């Protein structure tokens, strides 16, 4: 552990927490140093705490099986055992906000998978390839919190990962309007088919809170840093419907665009496949080598074939074609618990380390 930063995981027993465990078990920059969860799990070994509830395909890593689980509310103890922490808890938003601020004020940086602080104006919500410059708002946040190293950074909602990375390189063509429908996997609700057999052969045309997030969060990511706050972009106007579908992993998006300019299909594809950002330029460990892949086949992208593209950290697009009502339409696909959740948070943490915002205590 001598050369690695000590990483905590708050909410370590839930589905996203388990994904953090698997991603960090052999991470080159981070070592899992402390696990925290609710008082129900506190005092147990990790293996005991997730007995009958482990949802990953891989086995529980040996190095965490016998680690003690701490109570997440014991902020001072957990903070003393890590340099920074990931957070993926299942609580009411006001309690999450209070918990994450308590850790930040204890001088422990928090990289959060939760939505509670996504609307806080001095908390960066980051997709590292798209808006790493927003991380600088942490300086204003630290001034507000009265901290020198503690802060909160968040990753955006899992649903938008299937289309916002695809909109970003096309903005030079003047995207005005976006109509999108997302088809979201059950792991986004923290479930497997064993937990939720009612989803087999079923579709639910509503996911609480998702449509609002899917319309608002992209504008924040595409916004600008000004006077210590993130100012959301005014365009494109986005309208969204979110549908739960009987798929374990992978969120798919059907997207329609109106543009001011009139690029060719070849120009659009060229912009997409050559798009990269800070993680690629700095060779961060979790960064996909090619962020976006374009698939020529009419029946792609498919969850079964494409969800694990670039170890689940890349984004796939296919069926790009002109539309009779809008200008263009396409299908996007991203892995919701890797790029969309724990993997995206790990990449965010790597970016924060690279930029000097996370360091050893």
Protein backbone atom coordinates (compact mmCIF):
# COMPACT_ATOMS: atom_id res chain seq x y z
CA UNK A 1 0.00 0.00 0.00
CA UNK A 2 3.06 2.26 0.41
CA UNK A 3 2.88 3.75 -3.08
CA UNK A 4 -0.89 3.81 -3.42
CA UNK A 5 -3.50 6.22 -2.11
CA UNK A 6 -5.77 4.79 0.59
CA UNK A 7 -9.35 4.64 -0.71
CA UNK A 8 -12.44 4.24 1.44
CA UNK A 9 -15.77 2.94 0.18
CA UNK A 10 -18.88 4.25 1.93
CA UNK A 11 -21.89 2.10 1.05
CA UNK A 12 -19.58 -0.84 0.39
CA UNK A 13 -22.26 -3.54 0.71
CA UNK A 14 -24.65 -2.25 -2.00
CA UNK A 15 -24.49 -3.08 -5.69
CA UNK A 16 -22.41 -0.05 -6.68
CA UNK A 17 -20.25 -0.51 -3.60
CA UNK A 18 -19.60 -4.09 -4.69
CA UNK A 19 -18.62 -2.84 -8.12
CA UNK A 20 -16.15 -0.45 -6.46
CA UNK A 21 -14.69 -3.44 -4.60
CA UNK A 22 -14.07 -5.36 -7.83
CA UNK A 23 -12.62 -2.34 -9.66
CA UNK A 24 -10.27 -1.33 -6.85
CA UNK A 25 -9.06 -4.79 -5.82
CA UNK A 26 -6.09 -4.58 -8.22
CA UNK A 27 -6.06 -0.86 -9.03
CA UNK A 28 -2.59 0.58 -9.76
CA UNK A 29 -3.20 3.91 -7.97
CA UNK A 30 -5.62 3.06 -5.15
CA UNK A 31 -5.74 0.51 -2.35
CA UNK A 32 -8.95 -0.25 -0.43
CA UNK A 33 -8.17 0.79 3.14
CA UNK A 34 -11.57 1.03 4.84
CA UNK A 35 -15.12 -0.17 4.17
CA UNK A 36 -18.18 1.52 5.64
CA UNK A 37 -21.90 0.85 5.48
CA UNK A 38 -25.02 1.14 7.62
CA UNK A 39 -25.12 0.27 11.31
CA UNK A 40 -26.66 -3.10 10.34
CA UNK A 41 -23.37 -4.14 8.76
CA UNK A 42 -21.00 -2.37 11.14
CA UNK A 43 -18.71 -4.69 13.09
CA UNK A 44 -19.08 -7.60 10.66
CA UNK A 45 -16.44 -8.79 8.26
CA UNK A 46 -17.16 -7.76 4.69
CA UNK A 47 -17.86 -11.37 3.73
CA UNK A 48 -20.41 -11.64 6.54
CA UNK A 49 -22.00 -8.30 5.64
CA UNK A 50 -22.67 -9.30 2.00
CA UNK A 51 -23.53 -12.95 2.70
CA UNK A 52 -26.37 -13.89 0.35
CA UNK A 53 -26.25 -10.37 -1.18
CA UNK A 54 -23.11 -10.46 -3.37
CA UNK A 55 -24.28 -9.55 -6.90
CA UNK A 56 -21.08 -9.44 -8.95
CA UNK A 57 -20.07 -12.22 -11.35
CA UNK A 58 -16.56 -12.25 -9.92
CA UNK A 59 -15.91 -13.69 -6.46
CA UNK A 60 -15.38 -11.40 -3.47
CA UNK A 61 -11.69 -10.43 -3.59
CA UNK A 62 -9.71 -12.28 -0.93
CA UNK A 63 -8.10 -9.10 0.39
CA UNK A 64 -11.45 -7.61 1.48
CA UNK A 65 -13.26 -10.71 2.78
CA UNK A 66 -12.02 -10.30 6.34
CA UNK A 67 -11.92 -6.50 6.42
CA UNK A 68 -14.05 -5.02 9.18
CA UNK A 69 -17.03 -2.94 8.05
CA UNK A 70 -17.31 0.38 9.87
CA UNK A 71 -20.41 2.46 10.53
CA UNK A 72 -20.52 5.14 7.83
CA UNK A 73 -21.76 7.66 10.40
CA UNK A 74 -18.46 7.33 12.31
CA UNK A 75 -16.91 10.01 10.15
CA UNK A 76 -13.78 10.64 12.21
CA UNK A 77 -12.75 6.97 12.39
CA UNK A 78 -13.40 6.24 8.72
CA UNK A 79 -11.64 9.45 7.69
CA UNK A 80 -8.58 8.55 9.73
CA UNK A 81 -8.20 5.33 7.71
CA UNK A 82 -8.26 6.75 4.17
CA UNK A 83 -6.86 9.52 1.99
CA UNK A 84 -10.19 9.93 0.18
CA UNK A 85 -13.42 7.99 -0.16
CA UNK A 86 -15.94 6.86 -2.71
CA UNK A 87 -19.58 7.13 -1.67
CA UNK A 88 -22.53 5.05 -2.90
CA UNK A 89 -25.11 4.97 -0.13
CA UNK A 90 -28.83 4.29 -0.19
CA UNK A 91 -30.34 7.00 1.99
CA UNK A 92 -32.62 10.01 1.74
CA UNK A 93 -31.00 12.87 -0.16
CA UNK A 94 -30.83 15.26 2.76
CA UNK A 95 -29.01 12.63 4.82
CA UNK A 96 -26.60 11.91 1.97
CA UNK A 97 -25.86 15.63 1.60
CA UNK A 98 -25.14 15.91 5.33
CA UNK A 99 -22.98 12.77 5.38
CA UNK A 100 -20.88 13.77 2.38
CA UNK A 101 -20.36 17.28 3.75
CA UNK A 102 -19.32 15.81 7.10
CA UNK A 103 -16.59 13.79 5.39
CA UNK A 104 -15.48 16.78 3.33
CA UNK A 105 -15.29 18.94 6.47
CA UNK A 106 -13.21 16.16 8.07
CA UNK A 107 -10.73 16.89 5.24
CA UNK A 108 -11.55 13.69 3.35
CA UNK A 109 -12.31 14.22 -0.34
CA UNK A 110 -15.51 12.47 -1.43
CA UNK A 111 -16.05 11.10 -4.94
CA UNK A 112 -19.75 10.38 -4.99
CA UNK A 113 -21.98 8.15 -7.06
CA UNK A 114 -25.03 9.68 -5.38
CA UNK A 115 -27.33 12.34 -6.83
CA UNK A 116 -27.69 14.42 -3.66
CA UNK A 117 -25.06 17.04 -4.57
CA UNK A 118 -25.50 17.07 -8.35
CA UNK A 119 -27.39 20.32 -8.10
CA UNK A 120 -24.98 22.03 -5.67
CA UNK A 121 -23.48 24.89 -7.68
CA UNK A 122 -19.90 24.55 -6.42
CA UNK A 123 -19.78 20.74 -6.61
CA UNK A 124 -18.29 19.53 -9.91
CA UNK A 125 -20.33 16.89 -11.76
CA UNK A 126 -17.79 15.36 -14.07
CA UNK A 127 -17.42 13.12 -17.10
CA UNK A 128 -13.62 13.44 -17.33
CA UNK A 129 -13.47 13.34 -21.13
CA UNK A 130 -16.01 16.18 -21.38
CA UNK A 131 -15.67 18.73 -18.59
CA UNK A 132 -12.53 18.27 -16.47
CA UNK A 133 -12.22 22.07 -16.29
CA UNK A 134 -15.24 22.09 -13.92
CA UNK A 135 -13.03 20.47 -11.27
CA UNK A 136 -11.54 23.91 -10.58
CA UNK A 137 -14.82 24.88 -8.86
CA UNK A 138 -13.52 22.83 -5.91
CA UNK A 139 -11.49 25.89 -4.89
CA UNK A 140 -14.72 27.82 -4.30
CA UNK A 141 -16.32 24.85 -2.57
CA UNK A 142 -13.40 24.52 -0.17
CA UNK A 143 -13.71 28.21 0.68
CA UNK A 144 -17.41 27.69 1.46
CA UNK A 145 -16.79 24.57 3.56
CA UNK A 146 -13.74 26.01 5.30
CA UNK A 147 -11.53 23.09 4.25
CA UNK A 148 -8.02 22.86 2.87
CA UNK A 149 -8.20 19.41 1.24
CA UNK A 150 -11.77 18.14 1.76
CA UNK A 151 -14.39 18.49 -0.99
CA UNK A 152 -17.18 16.65 -2.82
CA UNK A 153 -17.13 15.72 -6.50
CA UNK A 154 -19.90 13.74 -8.18
CA UNK A 155 -20.42 11.74 -11.33
CA UNK A 156 -23.65 12.24 -13.30
CA UNK A 157 -26.62 9.94 -13.68
CA UNK A 158 -26.01 6.59 -15.34
CA UNK A 159 -28.72 7.16 -17.96
CA UNK A 160 -27.02 10.11 -19.63
CA UNK A 161 -23.77 8.23 -20.29
CA UNK A 162 -25.45 6.55 -23.26
CA UNK A 163 -25.97 9.85 -25.12
CA UNK A 164 -24.17 12.88 -23.63
CA UNK A 165 -20.70 11.62 -24.67
CA UNK A 166 -22.15 11.26 -28.18
CA UNK A 167 -23.66 14.76 -28.22
CA UNK A 168 -20.47 16.44 -27.05
CA UNK A 169 -18.28 16.05 -30.17
CA UNK A 170 -21.25 17.01 -32.36
CA UNK A 171 -21.93 20.35 -30.65
CA UNK A 172 -19.76 22.15 -33.20
CA UNK A 173 -22.62 21.56 -35.64
CA UNK A 174 -25.03 23.57 -33.48
CA UNK A 175 -27.29 21.02 -31.76
CA UNK A 176 -30.54 22.83 -30.89
CA UNK A 177 -32.95 20.11 -29.77
CA UNK A 178 -32.59 16.55 -28.50
CA UNK A 179 -35.36 13.99 -28.10
CA UNK A 180 -34.19 10.87 -26.29
CA UNK A 181 -35.68 7.70 -24.86
CA UNK A 182 -33.49 5.61 -22.58
CA UNK A 183 -33.95 1.86 -22.10
CA UNK A 184 -32.44 1.19 -18.71
CA UNK A 185 -31.12 -2.02 -17.17
CA UNK A 186 -32.33 -3.34 -13.84
CA UNK A 187 -28.87 -3.08 -12.25
CA UNK A 188 -29.49 0.67 -12.37
CA UNK A 189 -32.02 0.03 -9.61
CA UNK A 190 -29.48 -2.11 -7.73
CA UNK A 191 -31.29 -5.30 -8.74
CA UNK A 192 -30.65 -8.61 -10.43
CA UNK A 193 -33.30 -10.89 -11.93
CA UNK A 194 -33.10 -12.97 -8.75
CA UNK A 195 -34.11 -9.88 -6.77
CA UNK A 196 -36.69 -8.70 -9.30
CA UNK A 197 -38.24 -11.66 -11.15
CA UNK A 198 -41.23 -9.49 -12.09
CA UNK A 199 -39.00 -7.74 -14.64
CA UNK A 200 -38.51 -10.91 -16.69
CA UNK A 201 -40.45 -10.36 -19.91
CA UNK A 202 -41.63 -6.97 -18.66
CA UNK A 203 -41.16 -3.26 -19.40
CA UNK A 204 -41.98 -0.45 -16.98
CA UNK A 205 -42.49 2.96 -18.67
CA UNK A 206 -41.46 5.01 -15.64
CA UNK A 207 -38.36 5.37 -13.46
CA UNK A 208 -38.81 7.85 -10.64
CA UNK A 209 -36.72 11.02 -11.04
CA UNK A 210 -34.81 9.77 -14.08
CA UNK A 211 -36.44 11.95 -16.71
CA UNK A 212 -35.73 15.15 -14.81
CA UNK A 213 -32.09 14.13 -14.29
CA UNK A 214 -31.74 13.09 -17.92
CA UNK A 215 -32.94 16.49 -19.12
CA UNK A 216 -31.12 18.74 -16.61
CA UNK A 217 -27.79 17.08 -15.89
CA UNK A 218 -26.45 17.22 -19.47
CA UNK A 219 -26.82 21.01 -19.46
CA UNK A 220 -24.76 21.23 -16.28
CA UNK A 221 -22.02 19.06 -17.76
CA UNK A 222 -22.02 21.17 -20.92
CA UNK A 223 -22.06 24.40 -18.89
CA UNK A 224 -19.24 26.69 -17.83
CA UNK A 225 -17.40 27.66 -14.66
CA UNK A 226 -18.06 31.30 -13.75
CA UNK A 227 -17.50 33.17 -10.46
CA UNK A 228 -17.11 30.02 -8.39
CA UNK A 229 -20.21 28.19 -9.65
CA UNK A 230 -21.18 25.98 -12.58
CA UNK A 231 -23.56 27.80 -14.93
CA UNK A 232 -25.63 25.32 -17.01
CA UNK A 233 -25.67 25.55 -20.79
CA UNK A 234 -28.89 26.86 -22.36
CA UNK A 235 -28.72 24.52 -25.33
CA UNK A 236 -29.55 21.98 -26.49
CA UNK A 237 -33.11 21.73 -25.26
CA UNK A 238 -33.55 18.10 -24.15
CA UNK A 239 -36.72 16.10 -23.60
CA UNK A 240 -36.51 12.54 -22.34
CA UNK A 241 -38.49 9.43 -21.48
CA UNK A 242 -36.92 6.67 -19.36
CA UNK A 243 -38.05 3.06 -19.59
CA UNK A 244 -36.99 0.11 -17.42
CA UNK A 245 -36.29 -2.97 -19.56
CA UNK A 246 -35.46 -6.63 -18.77
CA UNK A 247 -31.69 -6.30 -19.22
CA UNK A 248 -29.15 -6.81 -16.42
CA UNK A 249 -26.44 -4.33 -17.51
CA UNK A 250 -26.40 -1.63 -20.18
CA UNK A 251 -28.43 1.51 -20.81
CA UNK A 252 -29.49 2.11 -24.42
CA UNK A 253 -30.65 5.46 -25.81
CA UNK A 254 -32.65 6.28 -28.95
CA UNK A 255 -31.72 9.85 -29.85
CA UNK A 256 -33.08 12.43 -32.33
CA UNK A 257 -31.22 15.69 -33.06
CA UNK A 258 -31.96 19.06 -34.65
CA UNK A 259 -28.89 21.01 -35.77
CA UNK A 260 -28.19 24.49 -37.11
CA UNK A 261 -25.53 23.22 -39.51
CA UNK A 262 -25.78 20.47 -42.10
CA UNK A 263 -22.84 18.07 -41.75
CA UNK A 264 -22.53 14.88 -43.74
CA UNK A 265 -22.78 11.49 -42.08
CA UNK A 266 -19.06 11.01 -42.67
CA UNK A 267 -18.29 14.27 -40.85
CA UNK A 268 -20.41 13.20 -37.87
CA UNK A 269 -18.75 9.78 -37.62
CA UNK A 270 -15.30 11.30 -37.92
CA UNK A 271 -16.00 13.67 -35.02
CA UNK A 272 -17.35 10.82 -32.90
CA UNK A 273 -14.60 8.25 -33.34
CA UNK A 274 -11.78 10.78 -32.93
CA UNK A 275 -13.21 12.34 -29.79
CA UNK A 276 -11.04 11.96 -26.69
CA UNK A 277 -10.20 13.98 -23.62
CA UNK A 278 -8.10 14.41 -20.51
CA UNK A 279 -8.10 10.71 -19.45
CA UNK A 280 -6.80 9.57 -22.84
CA UNK A 281 -4.23 12.36 -23.07
CA UNK A 282 -2.86 11.51 -19.61
CA UNK A 283 -3.17 7.71 -19.97
CA UNK A 284 -5.23 7.29 -16.80
CA UNK A 285 -5.60 3.64 -15.74
CA UNK A 286 -9.38 3.36 -16.19
CA UNK A 287 -9.58 5.41 -19.39
CA UNK A 288 -10.78 3.64 -22.54
CA UNK A 289 -8.20 3.88 -25.29
CA UNK A 290 -10.96 4.79 -27.74
CA UNK A 291 -13.82 6.49 -25.94
CA UNK A 292 -16.46 6.10 -28.69
CA UNK A 293 -16.86 3.34 -31.24
CA UNK A 294 -19.12 3.61 -34.29
CA UNK A 295 -20.73 0.35 -35.41
CA UNK A 296 -21.72 0.03 -39.07
CA UNK A 297 -24.04 -2.99 -38.77
CA UNK A 298 -27.77 -2.23 -38.79
CA UNK A 299 -28.34 -4.39 -35.69
CA UNK A 300 -25.72 -2.73 -33.46
CA UNK A 301 -25.07 -1.67 -30.79
CA UNK A 302 -26.45 -4.62 -28.85
CA UNK A 303 -26.21 -5.13 -25.10
CA UNK A 304 -25.08 -8.74 -25.54
CA UNK A 305 -22.27 -7.81 -27.94
CA UNK A 306 -21.23 -4.28 -27.03
CA UNK A 307 -21.94 -3.39 -23.40
CA UNK A 308 -18.42 -4.39 -22.29
CA UNK A 309 -16.65 -2.33 -24.98
CA UNK A 310 -13.36 -1.06 -23.52
CA UNK A 311 -14.00 -3.01 -20.29
CA UNK A 312 -17.34 -1.25 -19.96
CA UNK A 313 -15.78 2.22 -20.01
CA UNK A 314 -16.37 3.07 -23.69
CA UNK A 315 -19.56 4.25 -25.39
CA UNK A 316 -21.04 2.68 -28.53
CA UNK A 317 -23.12 4.31 -31.26
CA UNK A 318 -24.84 2.89 -34.32
CA UNK A 319 -27.73 3.40 -36.74
CA UNK A 320 -26.76 7.02 -37.40
CA UNK A 321 -29.01 8.22 -40.20
CA UNK A 322 -31.03 11.19 -41.39
CA UNK A 323 -34.54 11.60 -40.02
CA UNK A 324 -37.77 12.76 -41.66
CA UNK A 325 -38.84 15.00 -38.74
CA UNK A 326 -35.52 15.84 -37.05
CA UNK A 327 -32.13 16.08 -38.76
CA UNK A 328 -30.37 12.95 -37.45
CA UNK A 329 -31.08 9.94 -35.25
CA UNK A 330 -28.94 7.23 -33.67
CA UNK A 331 -28.74 4.55 -30.99
CA UNK A 332 -26.25 4.82 -28.10
CA UNK A 333 -25.18 2.27 -25.50
CA UNK A 334 -23.12 2.46 -22.28
CA UNK A 335 -22.50 0.14 -19.34
CA UNK A 336 -24.48 1.64 -16.49
CA UNK A 337 -22.54 0.28 -13.50
CA UNK A 338 -19.09 0.69 -15.07
CA UNK A 339 -18.95 3.88 -17.18
CA UNK A 340 -22.25 4.98 -15.64
CA UNK A 341 -21.49 4.38 -11.96
CA UNK A 342 -18.46 2.95 -10.14
CA UNK A 343 -16.13 2.95 -13.15
CA UNK A 344 -16.96 6.56 -13.94
CA UNK A 345 -16.31 7.53 -10.31
CA UNK A 346 -12.95 5.74 -10.31
CA UNK A 347 -11.96 7.56 -13.51
CA UNK A 348 -13.07 10.82 -11.90
CA UNK A 349 -10.86 10.06 -8.87
CA UNK A 350 -7.90 9.31 -11.15
CA UNK A 351 -8.47 12.68 -12.84
CA UNK A 352 -8.63 14.46 -9.47
CA UNK A 353 -5.32 12.86 -8.46
CA UNK A 354 -3.75 13.83 -11.78
CA UNK A 355 -4.87 17.44 -11.29
CA UNK A 356 -3.57 17.56 -7.72
CA UNK A 357 -6.90 17.69 -5.85
CA UNK A 358 -6.48 14.30 -4.14
CA UNK A 359 -3.20 13.46 -2.42
CA UNK A 360 -1.90 11.50 0.54
CA UNK A 361 -2.89 12.83 3.96
